[in-house]
Amino acid sequence: PGTPCDDGNAQTSNDVIQNNGCDCQGAIDPPTGDYCESEGDFPYHEWIAGIQLNDLNNVSGKSSYSDFTNLFASLNTTENYDLILTTGFSYTTYDEYWKVWIDYNQNNVFDEPSEIAYSGVLSGIENGTDTGELIGEISVPASALNGTTRMRVSMQRGSYAAPCGILPFGEVEDYSV
């Protein structure tokens, strides 16, 4: 939980305020620490095409891993937030298993199951469809620590991903909340 710094030097992109290392009173920097690595081995048939969560709205393209920790979603404990996850497809579609972790206790580990903020499956999309949306909700527990932390989003074909490791088909993106 927290808000990005805006000292007049911040830039907006896709309705998201990007923290560009500005140095102003109350600035919130992206979370630091050694989180485990995770990436997609082959993100070219299906990929994360977009994420919407509260004031975070990011459109992205094909990549094995994207570090978007300079992009923030402002969240408060005990509140619920709508989540829209967009899958991009090259042509053939597959069942896509999405999982979102938030490091609520800020220990640089995505503890399962306590830090799984959302999981869901996008299925039944017709071949030739460019994108598909999975709509869900994130509920922030009262036990979540205040301050900036990392959110990891994984999308994998055919089964749920673990928070760490290589996904054979899919993609991983990290954000800040």
N, C-alpha and C. Protein backbone atom coordinates (compact mmCIF):
# COMPACT_ATOMS: atom_id res chain seq x y z
N PRO A 1 0.82 -1.20 0.00
CA PRO A 1 0.00 0.00 0.00
C PRO A 1 0.85 1.26 0.00
N GLY A 2 0.42 2.26 -0.67
CA GLY A 2 1.14 3.51 -0.76
C GLY A 2 0.81 4.22 -2.06
N THR A 3 1.34 5.41 -2.23
CA THR A 3 1.09 6.16 -3.45
C THR A 3 2.40 6.59 -4.07
N PRO A 4 2.44 6.70 -5.40
CA PRO A 4 3.68 7.10 -6.05
C PRO A 4 3.98 8.57 -5.83
N CYS A 5 5.24 8.89 -5.93
CA CYS A 5 5.71 10.27 -5.79
C CYS A 5 5.34 11.06 -7.03
N ASP A 6 4.85 12.24 -6.88
CA ASP A 6 4.60 13.10 -8.02
C ASP A 6 5.10 14.49 -7.67
N ASP A 7 6.32 14.79 -8.10
CA ASP A 7 6.92 16.09 -7.83
C ASP A 7 6.89 16.99 -9.06
N GLY A 8 6.03 16.61 -10.03
CA GLY A 8 5.97 17.35 -11.27
C GLY A 8 6.86 16.75 -12.35
N ASN A 9 7.78 15.86 -11.95
CA ASN A 9 8.67 15.21 -12.91
C ASN A 9 8.19 13.82 -13.29
N ALA A 10 7.15 13.34 -12.61
CA ALA A 10 6.63 12.01 -12.92
C ALA A 10 5.94 12.06 -14.28
N GLN A 11 5.92 10.93 -14.95
CA GLN A 11 5.27 10.84 -16.25
C GLN A 11 4.08 9.91 -16.14
N THR A 12 3.06 10.18 -16.94
CA THR A 12 1.93 9.27 -16.96
C THR A 12 1.97 8.49 -18.26
N SER A 13 1.60 7.23 -18.19
CA SER A 13 1.57 6.35 -19.34
C SER A 13 0.45 5.35 -19.11
N ASN A 14 -0.53 5.30 -20.01
CA ASN A 14 -1.66 4.40 -19.86
C ASN A 14 -2.36 4.58 -18.52
N ASP A 15 -2.54 5.82 -18.11
CA ASP A 15 -3.22 6.17 -16.86
C ASP A 15 -2.48 5.68 -15.62
N VAL A 16 -1.18 5.44 -15.71
CA VAL A 16 -0.39 5.00 -14.59
C VAL A 16 0.68 6.03 -14.32
N ILE A 17 0.87 6.37 -13.07
CA ILE A 17 1.94 7.30 -12.72
C ILE A 17 3.20 6.47 -12.53
N GLN A 18 4.27 6.85 -13.22
CA GLN A 18 5.53 6.15 -13.10
C GLN A 18 6.45 6.93 -12.16
N ASN A 19 7.02 6.23 -11.18
CA ASN A 19 7.98 6.84 -10.29
C ASN A 19 9.34 6.79 -10.97
N ASN A 20 9.86 7.93 -11.37
CA ASN A 20 11.13 7.99 -12.08
C ASN A 20 12.27 8.40 -11.15
N GLY A 21 12.28 7.85 -9.95
CA GLY A 21 13.35 8.15 -9.01
C GLY A 21 13.28 9.58 -8.50
N CYS A 22 12.11 10.18 -8.52
CA CYS A 22 11.99 11.56 -8.06
C CYS A 22 12.33 11.64 -6.58
N ASP A 23 12.81 12.78 -6.16
CA ASP A 23 13.26 12.96 -4.79
C ASP A 23 12.40 14.05 -4.16
N CYS A 24 11.27 13.64 -3.62
CA CYS A 24 10.40 14.61 -3.00
C CYS A 24 9.90 14.07 -1.67
N GLN A 25 9.35 14.93 -0.83
CA GLN A 25 8.86 14.54 0.48
C GLN A 25 7.83 13.42 0.35
N GLY A 26 8.03 12.35 1.09
CA GLY A 26 7.06 11.26 1.08
C GLY A 26 7.15 10.36 -0.14
N ALA A 27 8.25 10.44 -0.89
CA ALA A 27 8.39 9.62 -2.09
C ALA A 27 8.40 8.14 -1.73
N ILE A 28 7.81 7.35 -2.58
CA ILE A 28 7.80 5.90 -2.39
C ILE A 28 8.60 5.30 -3.53
N ASP A 29 9.63 4.56 -3.18
CA ASP A 29 10.46 3.91 -4.18
C ASP A 29 9.98 2.49 -4.41
N PRO A 30 10.29 1.93 -5.57
CA PRO A 30 9.95 0.53 -5.81
C PRO A 30 10.57 -0.35 -4.74
N PRO A 31 9.93 -1.47 -4.42
CA PRO A 31 10.48 -2.35 -3.39
C PRO A 31 11.83 -2.92 -3.83
N THR A 32 12.71 -3.05 -2.87
CA THR A 32 14.01 -3.63 -3.15
C THR A 32 14.10 -4.97 -2.45
N GLY A 33 15.13 -5.68 -2.72
CA GLY A 33 15.31 -6.99 -2.09
C GLY A 33 15.49 -8.04 -3.15
N ASP A 34 15.96 -9.16 -2.72
CA ASP A 34 16.25 -10.26 -3.62
C ASP A 34 15.07 -11.21 -3.69
N TYR A 35 14.17 -10.96 -4.60
CA TYR A 35 13.06 -11.87 -4.84
C TYR A 35 13.55 -12.98 -5.77
N CYS A 36 12.94 -14.13 -5.68
CA CYS A 36 13.29 -15.23 -6.58
C CYS A 36 12.98 -14.83 -8.02
N GLU A 37 13.68 -15.46 -8.94
CA GLU A 37 13.47 -15.16 -10.35
C GLU A 37 12.38 -16.05 -10.93
N SER A 38 11.67 -15.51 -11.89
CA SER A 38 10.65 -16.25 -12.60
C SER A 38 10.50 -15.62 -13.98
N GLU A 39 10.29 -16.46 -14.99
CA GLU A 39 10.11 -15.95 -16.35
C GLU A 39 9.47 -17.02 -17.22
N GLY A 40 8.91 -16.56 -18.32
CA GLY A 40 8.36 -17.47 -19.31
C GLY A 40 9.44 -17.89 -20.28
N ASP A 41 9.48 -19.16 -20.62
CA ASP A 41 10.47 -19.66 -21.57
C ASP A 41 10.08 -19.33 -23.01
N PHE A 42 8.77 -19.29 -23.28
CA PHE A 42 8.29 -19.05 -24.64
C PHE A 42 7.00 -18.23 -24.58
N PRO A 43 7.12 -16.88 -24.55
CA PRO A 43 5.93 -16.02 -24.43
C PRO A 43 5.36 -15.55 -25.76
N TYR A 44 5.58 -16.30 -26.84
CA TYR A 44 5.24 -15.79 -28.17
C TYR A 44 3.88 -16.25 -28.70
N HIS A 45 3.30 -17.27 -28.11
CA HIS A 45 1.94 -17.69 -28.49
C HIS A 45 0.90 -17.03 -27.60
N GLU A 46 1.25 -16.85 -26.34
CA GLU A 46 0.38 -16.18 -25.38
C GLU A 46 1.25 -15.39 -24.42
N TRP A 47 0.71 -14.22 -23.99
CA TRP A 47 1.49 -13.33 -23.14
C TRP A 47 0.54 -12.45 -22.34
N ILE A 48 1.11 -11.82 -21.30
CA ILE A 48 0.35 -10.85 -20.51
C ILE A 48 0.25 -9.57 -21.34
N ALA A 49 -0.96 -9.19 -21.71
CA ALA A 49 -1.17 -8.02 -22.55
C ALA A 49 -1.61 -6.80 -21.74
N GLY A 50 -2.04 -7.01 -20.49
CA GLY A 50 -2.45 -5.88 -19.68
C GLY A 50 -2.89 -6.27 -18.29
N ILE A 51 -2.75 -5.31 -17.38
CA ILE A 51 -3.15 -5.46 -15.98
C ILE A 51 -3.88 -4.18 -15.57
N GLN A 52 -5.03 -4.34 -14.92
CA GLN A 52 -5.72 -3.20 -14.31
C GLN A 52 -6.05 -3.57 -12.87
N LEU A 53 -5.60 -2.73 -11.94
CA LEU A 53 -5.86 -2.91 -10.52
C LEU A 53 -5.89 -1.53 -9.88
N ASN A 54 -7.06 -1.12 -9.43
CA ASN A 54 -7.27 0.20 -8.85
C ASN A 54 -6.72 1.27 -9.79
N ASP A 55 -5.68 2.02 -9.38
CA ASP A 55 -5.16 3.10 -10.22
C ASP A 55 -4.01 2.66 -11.12
N LEU A 56 -3.76 1.37 -11.20
CA LEU A 56 -2.75 0.81 -12.09
C LEU A 56 -3.43 0.30 -13.35
N ASN A 57 -2.98 0.77 -14.49
CA ASN A 57 -3.51 0.32 -15.78
C ASN A 57 -2.32 0.26 -16.74
N ASN A 58 -1.79 -0.96 -16.94
CA ASN A 58 -0.60 -1.11 -17.76
C ASN A 58 -0.87 -2.07 -18.91
N VAL A 59 -0.55 -1.61 -20.11
CA VAL A 59 -0.62 -2.43 -21.31
C VAL A 59 0.81 -2.83 -21.65
N SER A 60 1.03 -4.13 -21.89
CA SER A 60 2.38 -4.59 -22.18
C SER A 60 2.37 -5.55 -23.35
N GLY A 61 3.57 -5.94 -23.78
CA GLY A 61 3.70 -6.83 -24.93
C GLY A 61 4.43 -8.11 -24.58
N LYS A 62 4.83 -8.84 -25.60
CA LYS A 62 5.48 -10.14 -25.44
C LYS A 62 6.86 -9.97 -24.81
N SER A 63 7.08 -10.67 -23.71
CA SER A 63 8.37 -10.66 -23.05
C SER A 63 8.39 -11.83 -22.07
N SER A 64 9.56 -12.39 -21.84
CA SER A 64 9.68 -13.49 -20.86
C SER A 64 9.40 -13.00 -19.45
N TYR A 65 9.93 -11.82 -19.13
CA TYR A 65 9.77 -11.20 -17.82
C TYR A 65 9.81 -9.70 -18.00
N SER A 66 8.94 -8.99 -17.26
CA SER A 66 8.96 -7.53 -17.27
C SER A 66 8.98 -7.02 -15.84
N ASP A 67 9.94 -6.14 -15.56
CA ASP A 67 10.05 -5.51 -14.25
C ASP A 67 9.35 -4.16 -14.32
N PHE A 68 8.11 -4.15 -13.86
CA PHE A 68 7.32 -2.92 -13.82
C PHE A 68 7.19 -2.42 -12.38
N THR A 69 8.21 -2.66 -11.55
CA THR A 69 8.12 -2.24 -10.15
C THR A 69 8.13 -0.72 -9.99
N ASN A 70 8.36 0.00 -11.07
CA ASN A 70 8.22 1.46 -11.03
C ASN A 70 6.77 1.89 -11.22
N LEU A 71 5.87 0.93 -11.46
CA LEU A 71 4.43 1.20 -11.58
C LEU A 71 3.72 0.71 -10.33
N PHE A 72 2.82 1.53 -9.79
CA PHE A 72 2.19 1.28 -8.51
C PHE A 72 0.68 1.13 -8.60
N ALA A 73 0.14 0.24 -7.78
CA ALA A 73 -1.30 0.19 -7.51
C ALA A 73 -1.47 0.59 -6.04
N SER A 74 -2.27 1.60 -5.78
CA SER A 74 -2.51 2.04 -4.40
C SER A 74 -3.61 1.17 -3.80
N LEU A 75 -3.26 0.45 -2.73
CA LEU A 75 -4.20 -0.46 -2.07
C LEU A 75 -4.23 -0.18 -0.58
N ASN A 76 -5.38 -0.42 0.03
CA ASN A 76 -5.56 -0.28 1.48
C ASN A 76 -5.99 -1.61 2.07
N THR A 77 -5.57 -1.85 3.29
CA THR A 77 -5.97 -3.09 3.95
C THR A 77 -7.48 -3.13 4.14
N THR A 78 -8.01 -4.31 4.17
CA THR A 78 -9.43 -4.64 4.37
C THR A 78 -10.35 -4.12 3.26
N GLU A 79 -9.78 -3.72 2.14
CA GLU A 79 -10.60 -3.27 1.02
C GLU A 79 -10.48 -4.25 -0.14
N ASN A 80 -11.49 -4.26 -0.99
CA ASN A 80 -11.53 -5.12 -2.18
C ASN A 80 -11.33 -4.28 -3.42
N TYR A 81 -10.61 -4.86 -4.39
CA TYR A 81 -10.29 -4.13 -5.62
C TYR A 81 -10.56 -5.02 -6.83
N ASP A 82 -11.18 -4.43 -7.85
CA ASP A 82 -11.40 -5.15 -9.11
C ASP A 82 -10.07 -5.34 -9.82
N LEU A 83 -9.92 -6.49 -10.44
CA LEU A 83 -8.70 -6.86 -11.14
C LEU A 83 -9.09 -7.32 -12.54
N ILE A 84 -8.44 -6.78 -13.56
CA ILE A 84 -8.66 -7.21 -14.94
C ILE A 84 -7.31 -7.63 -15.50
N LEU A 85 -7.24 -8.90 -15.91
CA LEU A 85 -6.03 -9.48 -16.48
C LEU A 85 -6.29 -9.78 -17.94
N THR A 86 -5.47 -9.25 -18.83
CA THR A 86 -5.67 -9.41 -20.26
C THR A 86 -4.58 -10.30 -20.85
N THR A 87 -5.03 -11.34 -21.56
CA THR A 87 -4.13 -12.25 -22.25
C THR A 87 -4.06 -11.84 -23.72
N GLY A 88 -2.85 -11.83 -24.28
CA GLY A 88 -2.68 -11.64 -25.71
C GLY A 88 -2.38 -12.98 -26.36
N PHE A 89 -2.95 -13.20 -27.55
CA PHE A 89 -2.75 -14.46 -28.29
C PHE A 89 -2.24 -14.13 -29.69
N SER A 90 -1.34 -14.99 -30.22
CA SER A 90 -0.87 -14.80 -31.59
C SER A 90 -1.90 -15.34 -32.59
N TYR A 91 -2.50 -16.49 -32.32
CA TYR A 91 -3.63 -17.00 -33.10
C TYR A 91 -4.33 -18.12 -32.33
N THR A 92 -3.61 -19.21 -32.09
CA THR A 92 -4.19 -20.33 -31.35
C THR A 92 -4.33 -19.94 -29.88
N THR A 93 -5.47 -20.25 -29.30
CA THR A 93 -5.70 -19.90 -27.91
C THR A 93 -5.61 -21.15 -27.04
N TYR A 94 -5.32 -20.93 -25.78
CA TYR A 94 -5.14 -22.00 -24.81
C TYR A 94 -5.81 -21.59 -23.51
N ASP A 95 -6.02 -22.55 -22.62
CA ASP A 95 -6.46 -22.22 -21.26
C ASP A 95 -5.28 -21.57 -20.55
N GLU A 96 -5.50 -20.36 -20.04
CA GLU A 96 -4.43 -19.61 -19.37
C GLU A 96 -4.73 -19.53 -17.88
N TYR A 97 -3.77 -19.98 -17.09
CA TYR A 97 -3.88 -20.00 -15.63
C TYR A 97 -3.12 -18.81 -15.07
N TRP A 98 -3.85 -17.93 -14.41
CA TRP A 98 -3.29 -16.70 -13.85
C TRP A 98 -3.13 -16.85 -12.34
N LYS A 99 -2.04 -16.29 -11.82
CA LYS A 99 -1.85 -16.22 -10.38
C LYS A 99 -1.17 -14.90 -10.04
N VAL A 100 -1.64 -14.26 -8.97
CA VAL A 100 -1.10 -13.00 -8.50
C VAL A 100 -0.69 -13.18 -7.04
N TRP A 101 0.55 -12.83 -6.74
CA TRP A 101 1.04 -12.86 -5.37
C TRP A 101 1.35 -11.43 -4.94
N ILE A 102 1.09 -11.13 -3.66
CA ILE A 102 1.52 -9.86 -3.07
C ILE A 102 2.28 -10.21 -1.80
N ASP A 103 3.46 -9.64 -1.65
CA ASP A 103 4.31 -9.91 -0.48
C ASP A 103 3.79 -9.09 0.70
N TYR A 104 2.66 -9.50 1.25
CA TYR A 104 1.98 -8.76 2.32
C TYR A 104 2.86 -8.55 3.55
N ASN A 105 3.72 -9.52 3.89
CA ASN A 105 4.57 -9.38 5.08
C ASN A 105 5.95 -8.80 4.75
N GLN A 106 6.19 -8.48 3.48
CA GLN A 106 7.39 -7.79 3.01
C GLN A 106 8.68 -8.50 3.42
N ASN A 107 8.68 -9.85 3.30
CA ASN A 107 9.87 -10.62 3.64
C ASN A 107 10.64 -11.08 2.41
N ASN A 108 10.29 -10.54 1.23
CA ASN A 108 10.94 -10.85 -0.05
C ASN A 108 10.71 -12.28 -0.51
N VAL A 109 9.64 -12.90 -0.02
CA VAL A 109 9.25 -14.25 -0.41
C VAL A 109 7.75 -14.24 -0.67
N PHE A 110 7.32 -14.88 -1.76
CA PHE A 110 5.89 -15.01 -2.04
C PHE A 110 5.41 -16.29 -1.37
N ASP A 111 4.97 -16.16 -0.12
CA ASP A 111 4.53 -17.30 0.68
C ASP A 111 3.22 -17.85 0.14
N GLU A 112 3.18 -19.17 -0.07
CA GLU A 112 1.94 -19.81 -0.51
C GLU A 112 1.37 -20.59 0.65
N PRO A 113 0.09 -20.58 0.90
CA PRO A 113 -0.94 -19.91 0.11
C PRO A 113 -1.28 -18.51 0.60
N SER A 114 -0.67 -18.04 1.69
CA SER A 114 -1.10 -16.81 2.35
C SER A 114 -0.91 -15.55 1.51
N GLU A 115 -0.03 -15.56 0.52
CA GLU A 115 0.20 -14.36 -0.27
C GLU A 115 -0.29 -14.50 -1.71
N ILE A 116 -1.12 -15.50 -1.97
CA ILE A 116 -1.79 -15.59 -3.27
C ILE A 116 -2.97 -14.63 -3.19
N ALA A 117 -2.86 -13.53 -3.92
CA ALA A 117 -3.91 -12.51 -3.89
C ALA A 117 -5.05 -12.86 -4.85
N TYR A 118 -4.74 -13.61 -5.91
CA TYR A 118 -5.76 -14.00 -6.88
C TYR A 118 -5.25 -15.18 -7.69
N SER A 119 -6.15 -16.08 -8.05
CA SER A 119 -5.87 -17.12 -9.04
C SER A 119 -7.14 -17.38 -9.82
N GLY A 120 -6.99 -17.62 -11.11
CA GLY A 120 -8.15 -17.87 -11.97
C GLY A 120 -7.71 -18.38 -13.33
N VAL A 121 -8.67 -18.91 -14.08
CA VAL A 121 -8.39 -19.50 -15.38
C VAL A 121 -9.21 -18.80 -16.45
N LEU A 122 -8.54 -18.40 -17.53
CA LEU A 122 -9.20 -17.88 -18.72
C LEU A 122 -9.29 -19.05 -19.70
N SER A 123 -10.50 -19.50 -20.01
CA SER A 123 -10.65 -20.64 -20.92
C SER A 123 -11.77 -20.37 -21.92
N GLY A 124 -11.77 -21.17 -22.96
CA GLY A 124 -12.87 -21.11 -23.92
C GLY A 124 -12.82 -19.97 -24.92
N ILE A 125 -11.66 -19.40 -25.14
CA ILE A 125 -11.54 -18.32 -26.13
C ILE A 125 -11.37 -18.95 -27.51
N GLU A 126 -12.07 -18.42 -28.50
CA GLU A 126 -12.03 -18.96 -29.86
C GLU A 126 -10.69 -18.65 -30.54
N ASN A 127 -10.13 -19.65 -31.25
CA ASN A 127 -8.89 -19.43 -32.01
C ASN A 127 -9.05 -18.23 -32.92
N GLY A 128 -7.98 -17.46 -33.08
CA GLY A 128 -8.01 -16.25 -33.90
C GLY A 128 -8.37 -15.01 -33.10
N THR A 129 -8.75 -15.17 -31.85
CA THR A 129 -9.06 -14.03 -30.98
C THR A 129 -7.75 -13.42 -30.49
N ASP A 130 -7.62 -12.10 -30.59
CA ASP A 130 -6.37 -11.42 -30.21
C ASP A 130 -6.15 -11.37 -28.71
N THR A 131 -7.22 -11.10 -27.94
CA THR A 131 -7.09 -10.94 -26.49
C THR A 131 -8.30 -11.55 -25.78
N GLY A 132 -8.09 -11.84 -24.53
CA GLY A 132 -9.17 -12.29 -23.66
C GLY A 132 -8.96 -11.70 -22.28
N GLU A 133 -10.05 -11.40 -21.58
CA GLU A 133 -9.96 -10.80 -20.26
C GLU A 133 -10.47 -11.75 -19.19
N LEU A 134 -9.75 -11.78 -18.09
CA LEU A 134 -10.17 -12.50 -16.89
C LEU A 134 -10.42 -11.44 -15.83
N ILE A 135 -11.61 -11.43 -15.27
CA ILE A 135 -11.98 -10.42 -14.28
C ILE A 135 -12.08 -11.07 -12.92
N GLY A 136 -11.44 -10.47 -11.94
CA GLY A 136 -11.44 -11.00 -10.59
C GLY A 136 -11.42 -9.89 -9.57
N GLU A 137 -11.02 -10.25 -8.36
CA GLU A 137 -11.00 -9.29 -7.25
C GLU A 137 -9.86 -9.64 -6.31
N ILE A 138 -9.22 -8.61 -5.79
CA ILE A 138 -8.19 -8.78 -4.77
C ILE A 138 -8.71 -8.15 -3.48
N SER A 139 -8.62 -8.91 -2.40
CA SER A 139 -8.98 -8.44 -1.07
C SER A 139 -7.71 -8.36 -0.24
N VAL A 140 -7.36 -7.18 0.23
CA VAL A 140 -6.13 -7.00 1.00
C VAL A 140 -6.43 -7.31 2.46
N PRO A 141 -5.69 -8.27 3.05
CA PRO A 141 -5.97 -8.64 4.44
C PRO A 141 -5.55 -7.56 5.43
N ALA A 142 -6.18 -7.54 6.59
CA ALA A 142 -5.84 -6.57 7.64
C ALA A 142 -4.41 -6.75 8.11
N SER A 143 -3.86 -7.94 7.97
CA SER A 143 -2.50 -8.24 8.43
C SER A 143 -1.42 -7.71 7.50
N ALA A 144 -1.77 -7.20 6.32
CA ALA A 144 -0.77 -6.69 5.38
C ALA A 144 -0.02 -5.51 5.99
N LEU A 145 1.29 -5.53 5.87
CA LEU A 145 2.11 -4.44 6.39
C LEU A 145 1.95 -3.20 5.52
N ASN A 146 2.03 -2.03 6.14
CA ASN A 146 1.96 -0.77 5.44
C ASN A 146 3.28 -0.53 4.72
N GLY A 147 3.23 0.10 3.58
CA GLY A 147 4.44 0.42 2.83
C GLY A 147 4.43 -0.27 1.48
N THR A 148 5.44 0.05 0.68
CA THR A 148 5.54 -0.45 -0.68
C THR A 148 6.07 -1.88 -0.68
N THR A 149 5.46 -2.72 -1.47
CA THR A 149 5.91 -4.09 -1.61
C THR A 149 5.69 -4.57 -3.04
N ARG A 150 6.13 -5.77 -3.32
CA ARG A 150 6.08 -6.31 -4.68
C ARG A 150 4.83 -7.16 -4.91
N MET A 151 4.32 -7.05 -6.12
CA MET A 151 3.23 -7.90 -6.60
C MET A 151 3.76 -8.62 -7.84
N ARG A 152 3.65 -9.94 -7.86
CA ARG A 152 4.06 -10.74 -9.02
C ARG A 152 2.82 -11.29 -9.71
N VAL A 153 2.79 -11.17 -11.03
CA VAL A 153 1.69 -11.67 -11.86
C VAL A 153 2.27 -12.69 -12.83
N SER A 154 1.72 -13.92 -12.79
CA SER A 154 2.16 -14.97 -13.71
C SER A 154 0.97 -15.48 -14.49
N MET A 155 1.20 -15.76 -15.76
CA MET A 155 0.20 -16.39 -16.62
C MET A 155 0.89 -17.55 -17.32
N GLN A 156 0.30 -18.74 -17.19
CA GLN A 156 0.92 -19.93 -17.76
C GLN A 156 -0.14 -20.79 -18.45
N ARG A 157 0.23 -21.37 -19.54
CA ARG A 157 -0.65 -22.28 -20.27
C ARG A 157 -0.82 -23.60 -19.51
N GLY A 158 -2.06 -24.02 -19.33
CA GLY A 158 -2.36 -25.37 -18.87
C GLY A 158 -2.32 -25.66 -17.39
N SER A 159 -1.64 -24.86 -16.59
CA SER A 159 -1.59 -25.11 -15.14
C SER A 159 -1.07 -23.86 -14.43
N TYR A 160 -1.34 -23.81 -13.11
CA TYR A 160 -0.87 -22.67 -12.33
C TYR A 160 0.65 -22.71 -12.17
N ALA A 161 1.27 -21.55 -12.21
CA ALA A 161 2.71 -21.42 -12.01
C ALA A 161 3.02 -21.32 -10.53
N ALA A 162 4.24 -21.67 -10.18
CA ALA A 162 4.79 -21.38 -8.86
C ALA A 162 5.32 -19.95 -8.91
N PRO A 163 5.57 -19.33 -7.77
CA PRO A 163 6.05 -17.95 -7.79
C PRO A 163 7.47 -17.80 -8.32
N CYS A 164 8.22 -18.90 -8.38
CA CYS A 164 9.61 -18.86 -8.82
C CYS A 164 9.82 -19.92 -9.90
N GLY A 165 10.76 -19.68 -10.80
CA GLY A 165 11.11 -20.67 -11.79
C GLY A 165 10.72 -20.26 -13.20
N ILE A 166 10.91 -21.21 -14.12
CA ILE A 166 10.65 -20.96 -15.54
C ILE A 166 9.33 -21.58 -15.96
N LEU A 167 8.50 -20.79 -16.61
CA LEU A 167 7.22 -21.26 -17.14
C LEU A 167 7.46 -21.68 -18.58
N PRO A 168 7.05 -22.89 -18.98
CA PRO A 168 7.31 -23.31 -20.36
C PRO A 168 6.59 -22.43 -21.39
N PHE A 169 5.36 -22.04 -21.13
CA PHE A 169 4.59 -21.16 -22.01
C PHE A 169 3.88 -20.14 -21.15
N GLY A 170 4.17 -18.86 -21.34
CA GLY A 170 3.54 -17.82 -20.55
C GLY A 170 4.48 -16.67 -20.28
N GLU A 171 4.16 -15.90 -19.24
CA GLU A 171 4.93 -14.69 -18.95
C GLU A 171 4.78 -14.32 -17.49
N VAL A 172 5.74 -13.53 -16.99
CA VAL A 172 5.75 -13.04 -15.61
C VAL A 172 6.00 -11.53 -15.63
N GLU A 173 5.26 -10.80 -14.78
CA GLU A 173 5.48 -9.36 -14.61
C GLU A 173 5.44 -9.04 -13.14
N ASP A 174 6.33 -8.14 -12.69
CA ASP A 174 6.36 -7.66 -11.31
C ASP A 174 5.95 -6.19 -11.27
N TYR A 175 5.17 -5.84 -10.24
CA TYR A 175 4.68 -4.49 -10.00
C TYR A 175 4.89 -4.12 -8.55
N SER A 176 4.55 -2.90 -8.17
CA SER A 176 4.59 -2.44 -6.78
C SER A 176 3.18 -2.10 -6.33
N VAL A 177 2.92 -2.38 -5.06
CA VAL A 177 1.66 -1.97 -4.44
C VAL A 177 1.97 -1.32 -3.12
